[in-house]
PDB file of N, CA and C in Angstrom:
ATOM      1  N   MET A   1     -30.793 -74.525   3.156  1.00  0.00           N
ATOM      2  CA  MET A   1     -31.697 -75.505   3.693  1.00  0.00           C
ATOM      3  C   MET A   1     -30.899 -76.511   4.517  1.00  0.00           C
ATOM      4  N   SER A   2     -31.279 -76.696   5.769  1.00  0.00           N
ATOM      5  CA  SER A   2     -30.556 -77.622   6.632  1.00  0.00           C
ATOM      6  C   SER A   2     -31.281 -78.969   6.694  1.00  0.00           C
ATOM      7  N   TYR A   3     -30.492 -79.989   6.886  1.00  0.00           N
ATOM      8  CA  TYR A   3     -31.031 -81.337   6.975  1.00  0.00           C
ATOM      9  C   TYR A   3     -31.569 -81.588   8.368  1.00  0.00           C
ATOM     10  N   GLN A   4     -32.724 -82.224   8.463  1.00  0.00           N
ATOM     11  CA  GLN A   4     -33.286 -82.584   9.749  1.00  0.00           C
ATOM     12  C   GLN A   4     -33.592 -84.082   9.740  1.00  0.00           C
ATOM     13  N   VAL A   5     -33.175 -84.768  10.776  1.00  0.00           N
ATOM     14  CA  VAL A   5     -33.385 -86.205  10.875  1.00  0.00           C
ATOM     15  C   VAL A   5     -34.883 -86.496  10.867  1.00  0.00           C
ATOM     16  N   LEU A   6     -35.279 -87.542  10.148  1.00  0.00           N
ATOM     17  CA  LEU A   6     -36.699 -87.867  10.020  1.00  0.00           C
ATOM     18  C   LEU A   6     -37.367 -88.109  11.364  1.00  0.00           C
ATOM     19  N   ALA A   7     -36.651 -88.732  12.293  1.00  0.00           N
ATOM     20  CA  ALA A   7     -37.236 -88.995  13.612  1.00  0.00           C
ATOM     21  C   ALA A   7     -37.598 -87.700  14.334  1.00  0.00           C
ATOM     22  N   ARG A   8     -36.836 -86.650  14.127  1.00  0.00           N
ATOM     23  CA  ARG A   8     -37.162 -85.364  14.754  1.00  0.00           C
ATOM     24  C   ARG A   8     -38.200 -84.603  13.953  1.00  0.00           C
ATOM     25  N   LYS A   9     -38.182 -84.772  12.636  1.00  0.00           N
ATOM     26  CA  LYS A   9     -39.125 -84.049  11.786  1.00  0.00           C
ATOM     27  C   LYS A   9     -40.564 -84.497  12.039  1.00  0.00           C
ATOM     28  N   TRP A  10     -40.767 -85.790  12.240  1.00  0.00           N
ATOM     29  CA  TRP A  10     -42.108 -86.338  12.391  1.00  0.00           C
ATOM     30  C   TRP A  10     -42.430 -86.742  13.826  1.00  0.00           C
ATOM     31  N   ARG A  11     -41.651 -86.271  14.788  1.00  0.00           N
ATOM     32  CA  ARG A  11     -41.883 -86.592  16.197  1.00  0.00           C
ATOM     33  C   ARG A  11     -43.184 -85.946  16.673  1.00  0.00           C
ATOM     34  N   PRO A  12     -43.999 -86.660  17.469  1.00  0.00           N
ATOM     35  CA  PRO A  12     -45.236 -86.058  17.986  1.00  0.00           C
ATOM     36  C   PRO A  12     -44.927 -84.844  18.861  1.00  0.00           C
ATOM     37  N   GLN A  13     -45.798 -83.845  18.813  1.00  0.00           N
ATOM     38  CA  GLN A  13     -45.591 -82.612  19.560  1.00  0.00           C
ATOM     39  C   GLN A  13     -46.539 -82.455  20.751  1.00  0.00           C
ATOM     40  N   THR A  14     -47.578 -83.281  20.818  1.00  0.00           N
ATOM     41  CA  THR A  14     -48.516 -83.251  21.942  1.00  0.00           C
ATOM     42  C   THR A  14     -48.806 -84.680  22.373  1.00  0.00           C
ATOM     43  N   PHE A  15     -49.398 -84.819  23.562  1.00  0.00           N
ATOM     44  CA  PHE A  15     -49.735 -86.149  24.055  1.00  0.00           C
ATOM     45  C   PHE A  15     -50.744 -86.844  23.146  1.00  0.00           C
ATOM     46  N   GLU A  16     -51.638 -86.094  22.520  1.00  0.00           N
ATOM     47  CA  GLU A  16     -52.657 -86.681  21.654  1.00  0.00           C
ATOM     48  C   GLU A  16     -52.072 -87.285  20.384  1.00  0.00           C
ATOM     49  N   GLU A  17     -50.930 -86.807  19.939  1.00  0.00           N
ATOM     50  CA  GLU A  17     -50.313 -87.302  18.710  1.00  0.00           C
ATOM     51  C   GLU A  17     -49.509 -88.587  18.919  1.00  0.00           C
ATOM     52  N   VAL A  18     -49.288 -88.988  20.160  1.00  0.00           N
ATOM     53  CA  VAL A  18     -48.502 -90.193  20.450  1.00  0.00           C
ATOM     54  C   VAL A  18     -49.344 -91.417  20.111  1.00  0.00           C
ATOM     55  N   ILE A  19     -48.756 -92.343  19.360  1.00  0.00           N
ATOM     56  CA  ILE A  19     -49.452 -93.553  18.947  1.00  0.00           C
ATOM     57  C   ILE A  19     -48.854 -94.740  19.697  1.00  0.00           C
ATOM     58  N   GLY A  20     -49.708 -95.610  20.227  1.00  0.00           N
ATOM     59  CA  GLY A  20     -49.245 -96.831  20.865  1.00  0.00           C
ATOM     60  C   GLY A  20     -48.887 -96.702  22.326  1.00  0.00           C
ATOM     61  N   GLN A  21     -48.930 -95.519  22.878  1.00  0.00           N
ATOM     62  CA  GLN A  21     -48.595 -95.310  24.291  1.00  0.00           C
ATOM     63  C   GLN A  21     -49.668 -94.462  24.966  1.00  0.00           C
ATOM     64  N   LYS A  22     -50.924 -94.723  24.632  1.00  0.00           N
ATOM     65  CA  LYS A  22     -52.025 -93.914  25.181  1.00  0.00           C
ATOM     66  C   LYS A  22     -52.101 -94.018  26.703  1.00  0.00           C
ATOM     67  N   HIS A  23     -51.792 -95.193  27.258  1.00  0.00           N
ATOM     68  CA  HIS A  23     -51.852 -95.350  28.705  1.00  0.00           C
ATOM     69  C   HIS A  23     -50.808 -94.477  29.400  1.00  0.00           C
ATOM     70  N   VAL A  24     -49.647 -94.350  28.819  1.00  0.00           N
ATOM     71  CA  VAL A  24     -48.601 -93.499  29.399  1.00  0.00           C
ATOM     72  C   VAL A  24     -48.981 -92.029  29.231  1.00  0.00           C
ATOM     73  N   SER A  25     -49.470 -91.668  28.054  1.00  0.00           N
ATOM     74  CA  SER A  25     -49.890 -90.288  27.802  1.00  0.00           C
ATOM     75  C   SER A  25     -50.991 -89.870  28.777  1.00  0.00           C
ATOM     76  N   GLN A  26     -51.972 -90.743  28.971  1.00  0.00           N
ATOM     77  CA  GLN A  26     -53.081 -90.433  29.878  1.00  0.00           C
ATOM     78  C   GLN A  26     -52.597 -90.297  31.313  1.00  0.00           C
ATOM     79  N   THR A  27     -51.688 -91.152  31.738  1.00  0.00           N
ATOM     80  CA  THR A  27     -51.140 -91.083  33.091  1.00  0.00           C
ATOM     81  C   THR A  27     -50.394 -89.771  33.318  1.00  0.00           C
ATOM     82  N   LEU A  28     -49.585 -89.371  32.354  1.00  0.00           N
ATOM     83  CA  LEU A  28     -48.840 -88.113  32.487  1.00  0.00           C
ATOM     84  C   LEU A  28     -49.782 -86.915  32.468  1.00  0.00           C
ATOM     85  N   LYS A  29     -50.792 -86.933  31.602  1.00  0.00           N
ATOM     86  CA  LYS A  29     -51.764 -85.829  31.563  1.00  0.00           C
ATOM     87  C   LYS A  29     -52.537 -85.739  32.875  1.00  0.00           C
ATOM     88  N   ASN A  30     -52.916 -86.880  33.442  1.00  0.00           N
ATOM     89  CA  ASN A  30     -53.635 -86.866  34.723  1.00  0.00           C
ATOM     90  C   ASN A  30     -52.753 -86.317  35.844  1.00  0.00           C
ATOM     91  N   ALA A  31     -51.485 -86.672  35.846  1.00  0.00           N
ATOM     92  CA  ALA A  31     -50.567 -86.165  36.871  1.00  0.00           C
ATOM     93  C   ALA A  31     -50.440 -84.644  36.770  1.00  0.00           C
ATOM     94  N   ILE A  32     -50.339 -84.129  35.546  1.00  0.00           N
ATOM     95  CA  ILE A  32     -50.236 -82.683  35.362  1.00  0.00           C
ATOM     96  C   ILE A  32     -51.534 -82.004  35.781  1.00  0.00           C
ATOM     97  N   ARG A  33     -52.664 -82.571  35.367  1.00  0.00           N
ATOM     98  CA  ARG A  33     -53.969 -81.981  35.673  1.00  0.00           C
ATOM     99  C   ARG A  33     -54.211 -81.926  37.175  1.00  0.00           C
ATOM    100  N   GLN A  34     -53.815 -82.973  37.905  1.00  0.00           N
ATOM    101  CA  GLN A  34     -54.053 -83.045  39.343  1.00  0.00           C
ATOM    102  C   GLN A  34     -52.961 -82.349  40.157  1.00  0.00           C
ATOM    103  N   GLY A  35     -51.887 -81.921  39.494  1.00  0.00           N
ATOM    104  CA  GLY A  35     -50.799 -81.255  40.205  1.00  0.00           C
ATOM    105  C   GLY A  35     -49.938 -82.212  41.008  1.00  0.00           C
ATOM    106  N   LYS A  36     -49.954 -83.486  40.665  1.00  0.00           N
ATOM    107  CA  LYS A  36     -49.167 -84.497  41.379  1.00  0.00           C
ATOM    108  C   LYS A  36     -48.022 -84.958  40.499  1.00  0.00           C
ATOM    109  N   ILE A  37     -47.110 -84.054  40.253  1.00  0.00           N
ATOM    110  CA  ILE A  37     -45.976 -84.335  39.379  1.00  0.00           C
ATOM    111  C   ILE A  37     -44.845 -84.915  40.229  1.00  0.00           C
ATOM    112  N   ALA A  38     -44.361 -86.069  39.814  1.00  0.00           N
ATOM    113  CA  ALA A  38     -43.321 -86.759  40.571  1.00  0.00           C
ATOM    114  C   ALA A  38     -41.993 -86.014  40.488  1.00  0.00           C
ATOM    115  N   HIS A  39     -41.113 -86.335  41.410  1.00  0.00           N
ATOM    116  CA  HIS A  39     -39.787 -85.727  41.434  1.00  0.00           C
ATOM    117  C   HIS A  39     -38.957 -86.173  40.237  1.00  0.00           C
ATOM    118  N   ALA A  40     -39.150 -87.422  39.811  1.00  0.00           N
ATOM    119  CA  ALA A  40     -38.403 -87.969  38.679  1.00  0.00           C
ATOM    120  C   ALA A  40     -39.276 -88.968  37.937  1.00  0.00           C
ATOM    121  N   PHE A  41     -39.001 -89.123  36.656  1.00  0.00           N
ATOM    122  CA  PHE A  41     -39.703 -90.092  35.821  1.00  0.00           C
ATOM    123  C   PHE A  41     -38.670 -91.000  35.171  1.00  0.00           C
ATOM    124  N   LEU A  42     -38.993 -92.271  35.091  1.00  0.00           N
ATOM    125  CA  LEU A  42     -38.106 -93.237  34.449  1.00  0.00           C
ATOM    126  C   LEU A  42     -38.832 -93.796  33.231  1.00  0.00           C
ATOM    127  N   PHE A  43     -38.375 -93.428  32.050  1.00  0.00           N
ATOM    128  CA  PHE A  43     -38.940 -93.937  30.804  1.00  0.00           C
ATOM    129  C   PHE A  43     -38.073 -95.104  30.359  1.00  0.00           C
ATOM    130  N   SER A  44     -38.667 -96.282  30.285  1.00  0.00           N
ATOM    131  CA  SER A  44     -37.902 -97.451  29.872  1.00  0.00           C
ATOM    132  C   SER A  44     -38.703 -98.256  28.865  1.00  0.00           C
ATOM    133  N   GLY A  45     -38.005 -99.068  28.127  1.00  0.00           N
ATOM    134  CA  GLY A  45     -38.655 -99.904  27.134  1.00  0.00           C
ATOM    135  C   GLY A  45     -37.730-100.154  25.976  1.00  0.00           C
ATOM    136  N   GLU A  46     -38.246-100.895  25.019  1.00  0.00           N
ATOM    137  CA  GLU A  46     -37.452-101.225  23.858  1.00  0.00           C
ATOM    138  C   GLU A  46     -37.284-100.018  22.948  1.00  0.00           C
ATOM    139  N   ARG A  47     -36.440-100.189  21.994  1.00  0.00           N
ATOM    140  CA  ARG A  47     -36.136 -99.140  21.038  1.00  0.00           C
ATOM    141  C   ARG A  47     -37.362 -98.825  20.174  1.00  0.00           C
ATOM    142  N   GLY A  48     -37.656 -97.548  20.031  1.00  0.00           N
ATOM    143  CA  GLY A  48     -38.713 -97.122  19.129  1.00  0.00           C
ATOM    144  C   GLY A  48     -40.113 -97.098  19.699  1.00  0.00           C
ATOM    145  N   VAL A  49     -40.261 -97.136  21.023  1.00  0.00           N
ATOM    146  CA  VAL A  49     -41.609 -97.140  21.596  1.00  0.00           C
ATOM    147  C   VAL A  49     -42.084 -95.757  22.028  1.00  0.00           C
ATOM    148  N   GLY A  50     -41.227 -94.736  21.930  1.00  0.00           N
ATOM    149  CA  GLY A  50     -41.661 -93.373  22.219  1.00  0.00           C
ATOM    150  C   GLY A  50     -41.163 -92.788  23.521  1.00  0.00           C
ATOM    151  N   LYS A  51     -40.125 -93.344  24.098  1.00  0.00           N
ATOM    152  CA  LYS A  51     -39.606 -92.843  25.374  1.00  0.00           C
ATOM    153  C   LYS A  51     -39.146 -91.392  25.268  1.00  0.00           C
ATOM    154  N   THR A  52     -38.334 -91.114  24.290  1.00  0.00           N
ATOM    155  CA  THR A  52     -37.802 -89.763  24.130  1.00  0.00           C
ATOM    156  C   THR A  52     -38.907 -88.783  23.746  1.00  0.00           C
ATOM    157  N   SER A  53     -39.795 -89.196  22.878  1.00  0.00           N
ATOM    158  CA  SER A  53     -40.889 -88.315  22.467  1.00  0.00           C
ATOM    159  C   SER A  53     -41.760 -87.935  23.661  1.00  0.00           C
ATOM    160  N   LEU A  54     -42.129 -88.916  24.478  1.00  0.00           N
ATOM    161  CA  LEU A  54     -42.944 -88.617  25.653  1.00  0.00           C
ATOM    162  C   LEU A  54     -42.186 -87.750  26.653  1.00  0.00           C
ATOM    163  N   ALA A  55     -40.898 -87.997  26.823  1.00  0.00           N
ATOM    164  CA  ALA A  55     -40.104 -87.179  27.739  1.00  0.00           C
ATOM    165  C   ALA A  55     -40.024 -85.729  27.250  1.00  0.00           C
ATOM    166  N   ARG A  56     -39.872 -85.548  25.946  1.00  0.00           N
ATOM    167  CA  ARG A  56     -39.808 -84.190  25.399  1.00  0.00           C
ATOM    168  C   ARG A  56     -41.143 -83.465  25.547  1.00  0.00           C
ATOM    169  N   ILE A  57     -42.245 -84.170  25.300  1.00  0.00           N
ATOM    170  CA  ILE A  57     -43.571 -83.563  25.456  1.00  0.00           C
ATOM    171  C   ILE A  57     -43.816 -83.211  26.916  1.00  0.00           C
ATOM    172  N   LEU A  58     -43.441 -84.105  27.835  1.00  0.00           N
ATOM    173  CA  LEU A  58     -43.603 -83.825  29.263  1.00  0.00           C
ATOM    174  C   LEU A  58     -42.787 -82.601  29.674  1.00  0.00           C
ATOM    175  N   ALA A  59     -41.561 -82.505  29.194  1.00  0.00           N
ATOM    176  CA  ALA A  59     -40.727 -81.344  29.517  1.00  0.00           C
ATOM    177  C   ALA A  59     -41.345 -80.057  28.986  1.00  0.00           C
ATOM    178  N   LYS A  60     -41.872 -80.101  27.765  1.00  0.00           N
ATOM    179  CA  LYS A  60     -42.529 -78.913  27.211  1.00  0.00           C
ATOM    180  C   LYS A  60     -43.768 -78.547  28.015  1.00  0.00           C
ATOM    181  N   ALA A  61     -44.530 -79.555  28.452  1.00  0.00           N
ATOM    182  CA  ALA A  61     -45.739 -79.290  29.232  1.00  0.00           C
ATOM    183  C   ALA A  61     -45.407 -78.680  30.594  1.00  0.00           C
ATOM    184  N   LEU A  62     -44.329 -79.137  31.211  1.00  0.00           N
ATOM    185  CA  LEU A  62     -43.963 -78.618  32.533  1.00  0.00           C
ATOM    186  C   LEU A  62     -43.299 -77.252  32.458  1.00  0.00           C
ATOM    187  N   ASN A  63     -42.635 -76.941  31.353  1.00  0.00           N
ATOM    188  CA  ASN A  63     -41.894 -75.687  31.228  1.00  0.00           C
ATOM    189  C   ASN A  63     -42.600 -74.645  30.377  1.00  0.00           C
ATOM    190  N   CYS A  64     -43.834 -74.888  29.966  1.00  0.00           N
ATOM    191  CA  CYS A  64     -44.560 -73.952  29.106  1.00  0.00           C
ATOM    192  C   CYS A  64     -44.873 -72.668  29.873  1.00  0.00           C
ATOM    193  N   HIS A  65     -44.590 -71.532  29.261  1.00  0.00           N
ATOM    194  CA  HIS A  65     -44.798 -70.233  29.907  1.00  0.00           C
ATOM    195  C   HIS A  65     -46.128 -69.578  29.528  1.00  0.00           C
ATOM    196  N   SER A  66     -46.958 -70.266  28.744  1.00  0.00           N
ATOM    197  CA  SER A  66     -48.217 -69.667  28.321  1.00  0.00           C
ATOM    198  C   SER A  66     -49.217 -69.575  29.468  1.00  0.00           C
ATOM    199  N   LYS A  67     -49.064 -70.417  30.485  1.00  0.00           N
ATOM    200  CA  LYS A  67     -49.934 -70.390  31.662  1.00  0.00           C
ATOM    201  C   LYS A  67     -49.052 -70.381  32.903  1.00  0.00           C
ATOM    202  N   PRO A  68     -49.577 -69.902  34.033  1.00  0.00           N
ATOM    203  CA  PRO A  68     -48.743 -69.836  35.242  1.00  0.00           C
ATOM    204  C   PRO A  68     -48.397 -71.199  35.839  1.00  0.00           C
ATOM    205  N   GLU A  69     -49.211 -72.223  35.560  1.00  0.00           N
ATOM    206  CA  GLU A  69     -48.932 -73.561  36.073  1.00  0.00           C
ATOM    207  C   GLU A  69     -48.694 -74.514  34.904  1.00  0.00           C
ATOM    208  N   PRO A  70     -48.140 -75.690  35.165  1.00  0.00           N
ATOM    209  CA  PRO A  70     -47.926 -76.655  34.075  1.00  0.00           C
ATOM    210  C   PRO A  70     -49.237 -76.988  33.372  1.00  0.00           C
ATOM    211  N   THR A  71     -49.162 -77.183  32.081  1.00  0.00           N
ATOM    212  CA  THR A  71     -50.348 -77.474  31.288  1.00  0.00           C
ATOM    213  C   THR A  71     -50.179 -78.792  30.558  1.00  0.00           C
ATOM    214  N   GLU A  72     -51.277 -79.517  30.376  1.00  0.00           N
ATOM    215  CA  GLU A  72     -51.186 -80.804  29.689  1.00  0.00           C
ATOM    216  C   GLU A  72     -51.122 -80.651  28.179  1.00  0.00           C
ATOM    217  N   ILE A  73     -51.375 -79.454  27.673  1.00  0.00           N
ATOM    218  CA  ILE A  73     -51.271 -79.181  26.235  1.00  0.00           C
ATOM    219  C   ILE A  73     -50.262 -78.048  26.047  1.00  0.00           C
ATOM    220  N   PRO A  74     -48.997 -78.383  25.743  1.00  0.00           N
ATOM    221  CA  PRO A  74     -47.989 -77.332  25.565  1.00  0.00           C
ATOM    222  C   PRO A  74     -48.268 -76.477  24.329  1.00  0.00           C
ATOM    223  N   CYS A  75     -47.858 -75.220  24.379  1.00  0.00           N
ATOM    224  CA  CYS A  75     -48.147 -74.292  23.281  1.00  0.00           C
ATOM    225  C   CYS A  75     -47.227 -74.491  22.076  1.00  0.00           C
ATOM    226  N   ASN A  76     -46.088 -75.149  22.268  1.00  0.00           N
ATOM    227  CA  ASN A  76     -45.103 -75.419  21.213  1.00  0.00           C
ATOM    228  C   ASN A  76     -44.462 -74.154  20.624  1.00  0.00           C
ATOM    229  N   ILE A  77     -44.588 -73.023  21.291  1.00  0.00           N
ATOM    230  CA  ILE A  77     -43.887 -71.821  20.827  1.00  0.00           C
ATOM    231  C   ILE A  77     -42.916 -71.295  21.884  1.00  0.00           C
ATOM    232  N   CYS A  78     -42.966 -71.852  23.091  1.00  0.00           N
ATOM    233  CA  CYS A  78     -42.027 -71.437  24.137  1.00  0.00           C
ATOM    234  C   CYS A  78     -40.612 -71.874  23.741  1.00  0.00           C
ATOM    235  N   PRO A  79     -39.613 -71.024  24.012  1.00  0.00           N
ATOM    236  CA  PRO A  79     -38.235 -71.420  23.716  1.00  0.00           C
ATOM    237  C   PRO A  79     -37.786 -72.509  24.677  1.00  0.00           C
ATOM    238  N   PRO A  80     -36.860 -73.373  24.245  1.00  0.00           N
ATOM    239  CA  PRO A  80     -36.362 -74.392  25.167  1.00  0.00           C
ATOM    240  C   PRO A  80     -35.667 -73.767  26.357  1.00  0.00           C
ATOM    241  N   ALA A  81     -35.901 -74.355  27.519  1.00  0.00           N
ATOM    242  CA  ALA A  81     -35.319 -73.795  28.750  1.00  0.00           C
ATOM    243  C   ALA A  81     -33.905 -74.223  28.943  1.00  0.00           C
TER     244      ALA A  81
END
């Protein structure tokens, strides 16, 4: 049995699971839905507000192989790219 850090064990896996950053989640989902994905994203803020979690979810949504185009709901079974 391997040890897993609590922050990774309980990290949100979809945009809907993110708490306290609904405006950011909605903005990213709208960008994916409309096909207007920026060249780069800058996640900034204080410690513990969900920057890394949102970045990981966005990366999974853009790199998901379950559909031919990026999806706002990642399948969570695609291997990391």
